[in-house]
Amino acid sequence: MKILGIETSCDETAAALIEGENDHVVLKANVLATSLALHAKTGGIIPEQAAREQAKFILPVIKETLNKSLDTSDPLESLRTIDAIAVTYGPGLIGSLLVGVETAKTLAYVLNKPIIPVNHMVGHIYANFINTSLRDHEVARRFEEASPLGGKQSHLRLPRSLSVARNDEIQFPLLALVVSGGHTDLLLMKRHGDFQLLGGTRDDAAGEAFDKIGRMLGLSYPAGPEIEKLANLGNPKHFHFPRPLLHENTYEFSFSGLKTAVLREVKATKQLNNQTIRDICRAAQDAIIDVLVKKTLRAAKEHNVKSILLSGGVSANQTLREEFSRLNPSQGIPSGQLSTQIFAPAKSLCTDNAAMIASAAYFNYNPVPWQEITADPELYF
């Protein structure tokens, strides 16, 4: 089955084609146009500007996806060969969502193709179920050059004990950690389509905390990659910031207190030199990662899961991946009866992309009449 995925929930304009058979999904093409450079100038996303750029790029992105994945050079003929269309319908920015949803509905109507609406956050989880091939290395490289992570961070750079996702190795029940700019959610999945939310974000999500802390330190937007780079040069003993909700009997997350603690330290520091900035980055990143890892391990032990899936833009953070790669029984994963594997998508599939939307649609195939699909910016699990 060939599924065309469309993703426009925030500032990216993305289309992808996946081909699925049984439990095997292969990425055929993954194309993205980003307006990041425009938003970097203002230190954040301007919704109206993002939607205007998406309206401009949505059709060229779809056309390039089809040209790269199918034999014919005729876009209309290529569209007729796909089996279904998947589109993000929420959560996200309403103007951006409408660009993707209305485009997908139009294509579904004209071509008489099934259309599957996909929850953006569920899509992030299903980036883990995409098998990559040698051919995909070149596709992922182009994607990363246009992504906020930049082309220098290879999606192949992983610690040995952390698997690049292979959906034929992922086992249920599993725990999914979705950690991005707008969400930090922990979900239990006993099968495809069965989502039990164990805990979510009370206020600032992890990625949002990275960006706000970066703004305090005068770093560029998005700040996560730069904070990680500076943290690698920081002194871990100079500062110590709070780990919000870490010791409470809950799987909810809160990072606003951490943000406030960093702001207090920045204001108290008379000379914010380069090394002090590195040290603050190190302490802030350590605090965020400590919360994410320990809460996830506690949930994994409680629910006796066989797999842990990392997902979302923050899951591209190499330090976070390496912390998970150092799992041992004393950190929460019981030995003997349980063998828990940790999975993370290729880094090119951590940030917003359409491949994950098509993958989610394949494993949760539930077509809806195109007339009934509407954009829902407040959608949750």
Protein backbone atom coordinates (compact mmCIF):
# COMPACT_ATOMS: atom_id res chain seq x y z
CA MET A 1 0.00 0.00 0.00
CA LYS A 2 1.31 3.43 -0.98
CA ILE A 3 0.30 6.34 1.24
CA LEU A 4 0.98 10.02 0.56
CA GLY A 5 1.46 11.91 3.81
CA ILE A 6 0.95 15.68 4.25
CA GLU A 7 2.11 17.61 7.32
CA THR A 8 1.60 21.37 7.92
CA SER A 9 0.85 21.66 11.63
CA CYS A 10 3.37 24.37 12.43
CA ASP A 11 5.99 26.10 10.27
CA GLU A 12 7.11 23.22 8.03
CA THR A 13 5.55 22.21 4.71
CA ALA A 14 6.10 18.48 4.26
CA ALA A 15 5.03 15.61 2.05
CA ALA A 16 6.23 12.01 1.97
CA LEU A 17 5.43 8.69 0.38
CA ILE A 18 5.67 5.41 2.27
CA GLU A 19 5.01 1.89 1.06
CA GLY A 20 3.68 -0.63 3.54
CA GLU A 21 3.20 -4.37 3.46
CA ASN A 22 2.10 -6.37 6.51
CA ASP A 23 4.12 -4.80 9.39
CA HIS A 24 6.85 -3.43 7.15
CA VAL A 25 6.95 0.26 6.16
CA VAL A 26 9.59 1.70 3.84
CA LEU A 27 10.16 5.39 3.23
CA LYS A 28 10.19 6.12 -0.50
CA ALA A 29 10.49 9.92 -0.45
CA ASN A 30 10.47 12.63 2.21
CA VAL A 31 10.45 16.31 1.17
CA LEU A 32 10.26 19.40 3.36
CA ALA A 33 10.26 23.15 2.89
CA THR A 34 10.95 25.18 6.00
CA SER A 35 10.37 28.82 6.89
CA LEU A 36 12.70 28.59 9.88
CA ALA A 37 14.97 31.38 8.68
CA LEU A 38 12.04 33.81 8.76
CA HIS A 39 11.03 32.83 12.31
CA ALA A 40 14.60 32.85 13.59
CA LYS A 41 14.68 36.61 13.00
CA THR A 42 11.84 37.13 15.48
CA GLY A 43 12.87 34.40 17.94
CA GLY A 44 9.71 32.38 17.39
CA ILE A 45 7.03 31.36 14.94
CA ILE A 46 4.65 33.98 13.51
CA PRO A 47 1.52 31.92 12.66
CA GLU A 48 0.26 34.06 9.78
CA GLN A 49 3.68 34.12 8.14
CA ALA A 50 4.03 30.35 8.50
CA ALA A 51 0.65 29.73 6.85
CA ARG A 52 1.45 32.06 3.93
CA GLU A 53 4.70 30.21 3.26
CA GLN A 54 2.91 26.85 3.44
CA ALA A 55 0.25 27.93 0.96
CA LYS A 56 3.09 28.86 -1.38
CA PHE A 57 5.03 25.60 -1.03
CA ILE A 58 2.44 22.85 -0.48
CA LEU A 59 1.91 21.92 -4.14
CA PRO A 60 5.60 22.09 -5.15
CA VAL A 61 6.50 19.89 -2.16
CA ILE A 62 3.90 17.28 -3.10
CA LYS A 63 5.02 17.35 -6.72
CA GLU A 64 8.68 16.84 -5.74
CA THR A 65 7.72 13.95 -3.46
CA LEU A 66 5.92 12.20 -6.29
CA ASN A 67 8.73 12.85 -8.76
CA LYS A 68 11.31 11.36 -6.40
CA SER A 69 9.35 8.27 -5.46
CA LEU A 70 7.46 7.22 -8.61
CA ASP A 71 8.55 6.42 -12.14
CA THR A 72 6.32 8.81 -14.06
CA SER A 73 7.04 12.53 -14.37
CA ASP A 74 3.34 13.37 -14.67
CA PRO A 75 2.15 14.49 -11.18
CA LEU A 76 -1.49 13.65 -11.88
CA GLU A 77 -0.59 10.20 -13.16
CA SER A 78 1.63 9.70 -10.09
CA LEU A 79 -1.22 10.66 -7.77
CA ARG A 80 -3.45 8.04 -9.35
CA THR A 81 -0.98 5.30 -8.36
CA ILE A 82 -1.18 6.01 -4.61
CA ASP A 83 -3.66 4.09 -2.48
CA ALA A 84 -4.51 6.68 0.19
CA ILE A 85 -3.78 10.15 1.53
CA ALA A 86 -2.87 10.89 5.15
CA VAL A 87 -2.94 14.38 6.63
CA THR A 88 -2.31 16.03 9.99
CA TYR A 89 -5.55 17.57 11.26
CA GLY A 90 -4.30 18.66 14.69
CA PRO A 91 -2.97 19.84 17.03
CA GLY A 92 -1.18 22.86 15.64
CA LEU A 93 -1.66 26.36 14.26
CA ILE A 94 -5.10 26.72 12.70
CA GLY A 95 -3.91 28.55 9.57
CA SER A 96 -1.15 26.03 8.96
CA LEU A 97 -3.41 23.04 9.57
CA LEU A 98 -5.96 24.38 7.09
CA VAL A 99 -3.37 24.50 4.31
CA GLY A 100 -2.64 20.79 4.65
CA VAL A 101 -6.17 19.62 5.43
CA GLU A 102 -7.83 21.47 2.55
CA THR A 103 -5.14 20.34 0.10
CA ALA A 104 -5.55 16.71 1.17
CA LYS A 105 -9.36 16.90 1.00
CA THR A 106 -9.20 18.36 -2.49
CA LEU A 107 -6.87 15.61 -3.70
CA ALA A 108 -9.01 12.91 -2.08
CA TYR A 109 -12.14 14.27 -3.78
CA VAL A 110 -10.62 14.75 -7.22
CA LEU A 111 -8.83 11.38 -7.25
CA ASN A 112 -11.50 9.48 -5.31
CA LYS A 113 -8.88 8.26 -2.82
CA PRO A 114 -9.36 7.33 0.85
CA ILE A 115 -8.19 9.99 3.31
CA ILE A 116 -6.97 9.28 6.84
CA PRO A 117 -6.77 12.15 9.37
CA VAL A 118 -3.82 11.78 11.75
CA ASN A 119 -3.11 13.26 15.17
CA HIS A 120 0.24 15.03 14.88
CA MET A 121 1.49 13.67 18.22
CA VAL A 122 0.54 10.11 17.27
CA GLY A 123 2.48 10.71 14.08
CA HIS A 124 5.64 11.40 16.07
CA ILE A 125 5.34 8.00 17.73
CA TYR A 126 5.02 6.26 14.37
CA ALA A 127 8.27 7.72 13.09
CA ASN A 128 9.68 4.77 15.03
CA PHE A 129 7.90 2.31 12.74
CA ILE A 130 9.57 3.46 9.52
CA ASN A 131 12.32 1.26 8.13
CA THR A 132 15.06 3.20 6.39
CA SER A 133 17.20 1.88 3.55
CA LEU A 134 20.42 2.91 1.82
CA ARG A 135 18.33 4.94 -0.60
CA ASP A 136 16.77 6.81 2.32
CA HIS A 137 20.18 8.03 3.50
CA GLU A 138 20.25 10.59 0.69
CA VAL A 139 16.63 11.59 1.32
CA ALA A 140 17.31 12.04 5.03
CA ARG A 141 20.41 14.11 4.26
CA ARG A 142 18.41 16.59 2.21
CA PHE A 143 15.79 16.71 4.95
CA GLU A 144 18.34 17.48 7.64
CA GLU A 145 19.94 20.25 5.61
CA ALA A 146 16.56 22.02 5.64
CA SER A 147 15.68 21.14 9.23
CA PRO A 148 16.33 23.07 12.45
CA LEU A 149 18.97 20.51 13.40
CA GLY A 150 21.17 21.44 10.47
CA GLY A 151 23.03 19.14 8.12
CA LYS A 152 25.95 18.52 10.44
CA GLN A 153 24.05 16.18 12.74
CA SER A 154 23.89 12.82 10.98
CA HIS A 155 20.88 10.63 11.62
CA LEU A 156 23.27 7.66 11.73
CA ARG A 157 25.13 8.91 14.81
CA LEU A 158 23.70 6.75 17.57
CA PRO A 159 25.15 4.92 20.57
CA ARG A 160 25.46 1.20 19.91
CA SER A 161 22.88 0.19 22.48
CA LEU A 162 20.18 2.51 21.12
CA SER A 163 18.47 1.08 18.06
CA VAL A 164 17.55 3.00 14.95
CA ALA A 165 13.93 1.97 14.77
CA ARG A 166 12.96 -1.20 12.95
CA ASN A 167 9.24 -1.75 13.23
CA ASP A 168 9.64 -5.54 13.01
CA GLU A 169 11.65 -5.45 16.27
CA ILE A 170 9.32 -3.21 18.30
CA GLN A 171 7.17 -5.22 20.69
CA PHE A 172 4.01 -4.42 22.64
CA PRO A 173 3.22 -3.40 25.29
CA LEU A 174 5.34 -0.32 24.80
CA LEU A 175 5.90 3.08 26.32
CA ALA A 176 6.05 6.13 24.05
CA LEU A 177 7.74 9.34 25.17
CA VAL A 178 6.67 12.25 22.94
CA VAL A 179 8.90 15.21 23.71
CA SER A 180 8.74 18.31 21.52
CA GLY A 181 8.35 22.06 21.57
CA GLY A 182 4.69 21.93 22.53
CA HIS A 183 4.30 18.54 24.21
CA THR A 184 5.93 16.26 26.74
CA ASP A 185 3.69 13.19 26.97
CA LEU A 186 4.12 9.64 28.20
CA LEU A 187 1.79 7.03 26.70
CA LEU A 188 1.24 3.31 27.18
CA MET A 189 0.38 1.34 24.04
CA LYS A 190 -0.77 -2.28 24.20
CA ARG A 191 -1.43 -2.46 20.47
CA HIS A 192 -1.69 -0.14 17.47
CA GLY A 193 -4.35 2.50 18.04
CA ASP A 194 -4.56 1.82 21.79
CA PHE A 195 -3.21 4.92 23.55
CA GLN A 196 -3.36 5.39 27.32
CA LEU A 197 -2.04 8.78 28.38
CA LEU A 198 -0.08 8.31 31.61
CA GLY A 199 0.94 11.94 31.96
CA GLY A 200 1.44 15.13 29.99
CA THR A 201 2.65 18.69 30.18
CA ARG A 202 1.22 20.91 32.90
CA ASP A 203 2.83 24.07 31.53
CA ASP A 204 6.05 24.43 29.54
CA ALA A 205 7.03 21.42 27.47
CA ALA A 206 10.68 20.34 27.34
CA GLY A 207 11.31 21.84 23.91
CA GLU A 208 9.59 25.07 24.91
CA ALA A 209 11.81 25.26 28.00
CA PHE A 210 14.90 24.87 25.82
CA ASP A 211 13.75 27.72 23.57
CA LYS A 212 12.86 30.07 26.44
CA ILE A 213 16.13 29.39 28.24
CA GLY A 214 17.96 29.95 24.98
CA ARG A 215 16.25 33.32 24.57
CA MET A 216 17.42 34.33 28.08
CA LEU A 217 20.98 33.48 27.07
CA GLY A 218 20.81 35.25 23.72
CA LEU A 219 20.92 32.05 21.66
CA SER A 220 19.34 31.64 18.25
CA TYR A 221 15.93 30.02 17.66
CA PRO A 222 15.31 27.12 17.97
CA ALA A 223 17.69 26.89 20.90
CA GLY A 224 17.72 23.15 21.63
CA PRO A 225 20.56 22.16 19.26
CA GLU A 226 22.71 25.12 20.33
CA ILE A 227 22.12 24.44 24.03
CA GLU A 228 23.21 20.83 23.53
CA LYS A 229 26.36 21.96 21.73
CA LEU A 230 27.25 24.46 24.48
CA ALA A 231 26.33 22.00 27.24
CA ASN A 232 28.98 19.61 25.97
CA LEU A 233 31.54 22.28 26.97
CA GLY A 234 29.91 23.14 30.30
CA ASN A 235 30.93 22.36 33.86
CA PRO A 236 28.27 20.03 35.33
CA LYS A 237 29.10 21.12 38.91
CA HIS A 238 28.82 24.89 38.52
CA PHE A 239 25.02 25.12 38.67
CA HIS A 240 22.25 22.82 39.84
CA PHE A 241 18.67 23.44 38.77
CA PRO A 242 15.47 21.84 40.11
CA ARG A 243 13.94 18.67 38.64
CA PRO A 244 10.21 19.58 38.65
CA LEU A 245 7.78 16.82 39.73
CA LEU A 246 10.56 14.24 39.64
CA HIS A 247 9.80 12.77 43.04
CA GLU A 248 6.01 13.13 42.92
CA ASN A 249 3.87 10.07 42.29
CA THR A 250 2.78 11.28 38.87
CA TYR A 251 3.81 10.98 35.24
CA GLU A 252 3.01 14.59 34.49
CA PHE A 253 5.71 17.05 33.47
CA SER A 254 6.38 20.69 34.31
CA PHE A 255 9.34 22.78 33.24
CA SER A 256 8.18 26.31 34.04
CA GLY A 257 9.88 26.17 37.45
CA LEU A 258 13.15 25.20 35.81
CA LYS A 259 12.80 28.13 33.42
CA THR A 260 12.23 30.48 36.37
CA ALA A 261 15.27 29.08 38.21
CA VAL A 262 17.46 29.70 35.18
CA LEU A 263 16.11 33.24 34.80
CA ARG A 264 16.88 33.93 38.47
CA GLU A 265 20.45 32.73 38.00
CA VAL A 266 20.92 34.76 34.81
CA LYS A 267 19.74 37.93 36.58
CA ALA A 268 22.00 37.23 39.57
CA THR A 269 25.07 36.67 37.42
CA LYS A 270 26.94 39.95 37.03
CA GLN A 271 29.08 38.81 34.12
CA LEU A 272 27.41 36.35 31.75
CA ASN A 273 30.54 35.25 29.90
CA ASN A 274 30.84 32.40 27.41
CA GLN A 275 31.83 29.79 29.99
CA THR A 276 29.01 30.76 32.34
CA ILE A 277 26.54 30.37 29.45
CA ARG A 278 27.98 26.92 28.73
CA ASP A 279 27.63 25.96 32.40
CA ILE A 280 24.01 27.14 32.54
CA CYS A 281 23.23 25.19 29.36
CA ARG A 282 24.78 22.08 30.88
CA ALA A 283 22.81 22.37 34.13
CA ALA A 284 19.51 23.13 32.39
CA GLN A 285 19.90 20.26 29.93
CA ASP A 286 20.90 17.87 32.73
CA ALA A 287 17.76 18.80 34.66
CA ILE A 288 15.44 18.25 31.69
CA ILE A 289 17.04 14.95 30.69
CA ASP A 290 17.07 13.68 34.28
CA VAL A 291 13.30 14.19 34.55
CA LEU A 292 12.55 12.64 31.16
CA VAL A 293 14.69 9.54 31.71
CA LYS A 294 13.74 8.76 35.29
CA LYS A 295 10.00 9.23 34.82
CA THR A 296 10.06 7.09 31.67
CA LEU A 297 11.99 4.30 33.42
CA ARG A 298 9.64 4.37 36.38
CA ALA A 299 6.66 3.95 34.06
CA ALA A 300 8.42 1.20 32.10
CA LYS A 301 8.96 -0.77 35.30
CA GLU A 302 5.42 -0.24 36.56
CA HIS A 303 3.80 -1.35 33.29
CA ASN A 304 6.28 -4.10 32.43
CA VAL A 305 6.78 -2.89 28.87
CA LYS A 306 8.89 -4.57 26.22
CA SER A 307 9.81 -1.45 24.25
CA ILE A 308 10.36 2.26 24.87
CA LEU A 309 9.93 4.60 21.91
CA LEU A 310 11.45 8.08 21.93
CA SER A 311 9.87 10.61 19.59
CA GLY A 312 9.44 14.31 18.89
CA GLY A 313 11.99 17.00 18.10
CA VAL A 314 13.78 16.82 21.46
CA SER A 315 14.42 13.09 20.92
CA ALA A 316 17.07 14.16 18.38
CA ASN A 317 19.13 15.37 21.35
CA GLN A 318 22.18 13.09 21.37
CA THR A 319 22.76 13.46 25.11
CA LEU A 320 19.20 12.33 25.82
CA ARG A 321 19.70 9.29 23.59
CA GLU A 322 22.95 8.40 25.30
CA GLU A 323 21.34 8.64 28.74
CA PHE A 324 18.70 6.17 27.66
CA SER A 325 21.40 3.95 26.16
CA ARG A 326 22.98 3.60 29.60
CA LEU A 327 19.93 1.90 31.08
CA ASN A 328 20.55 -0.75 33.70
CA PRO A 329 18.39 -2.62 36.24
CA SER A 330 19.21 -0.22 39.07
CA GLN A 331 17.75 2.65 37.05
CA GLY A 332 14.33 1.11 36.85
CA ILE A 333 14.32 -1.64 34.23
CA PRO A 334 13.96 -4.99 36.02
CA SER A 335 16.33 -7.74 34.99
CA GLY A 336 15.42 -11.32 34.23
CA GLN A 337 11.78 -11.46 33.21
CA LEU A 338 11.83 -8.22 31.21
CA SER A 339 14.05 -7.28 28.31
CA THR A 340 13.20 -3.70 27.37
CA GLN A 341 14.60 -2.26 24.15
CA ILE A 342 14.92 1.45 23.49
CA PHE A 343 14.10 2.82 20.04
CA ALA A 344 14.47 6.25 18.47
CA PRO A 345 13.75 7.41 14.93
CA ALA A 346 16.43 8.56 12.54
CA LYS A 347 17.19 12.13 13.58
CA SER A 348 15.79 13.34 10.27
CA LEU A 349 12.41 11.93 11.36
CA CYS A 350 12.34 13.46 14.86
CA THR A 351 11.31 16.96 13.84
CA ASP A 352 8.02 17.55 12.00
CA ASN A 353 7.78 15.54 8.79
CA ALA A 354 5.15 13.85 6.63
CA ALA A 355 6.67 10.36 6.67
CA MET A 356 5.55 9.86 10.26
CA ILE A 357 2.01 10.94 9.33
CA ALA A 358 1.84 8.40 6.51
CA SER A 359 3.28 5.71 8.80
CA ALA A 360 0.66 6.42 11.49
CA ALA A 361 -2.07 6.19 8.86
CA TYR A 362 -0.80 2.82 7.63
CA PHE A 363 -0.79 1.20 11.07
CA ASN A 364 -4.08 2.87 12.08
CA TYR A 365 -5.91 2.70 8.79
CA ASN A 366 -9.26 4.36 9.38
CA PRO A 367 -10.45 6.35 6.33
CA VAL A 368 -12.95 9.13 6.93
CA PRO A 369 -15.22 10.82 4.34
CA TRP A 370 -13.39 13.95 3.22
CA GLN A 371 -16.42 16.10 4.04
CA GLU A 372 -16.13 15.14 7.74
CA ILE A 373 -12.51 16.15 8.25
CA THR A 374 -11.84 19.51 9.89
CA ALA A 375 -8.71 21.06 11.32
CA ASP A 376 -8.58 20.89 15.13
CA PRO A 377 -5.79 23.05 16.64
CA GLU A 378 -6.65 21.90 20.19
CA LEU A 379 -6.64 18.16 19.44
CA TYR A 380 -5.13 15.92 22.11
CA PHE A 381 -4.77 12.18 22.55
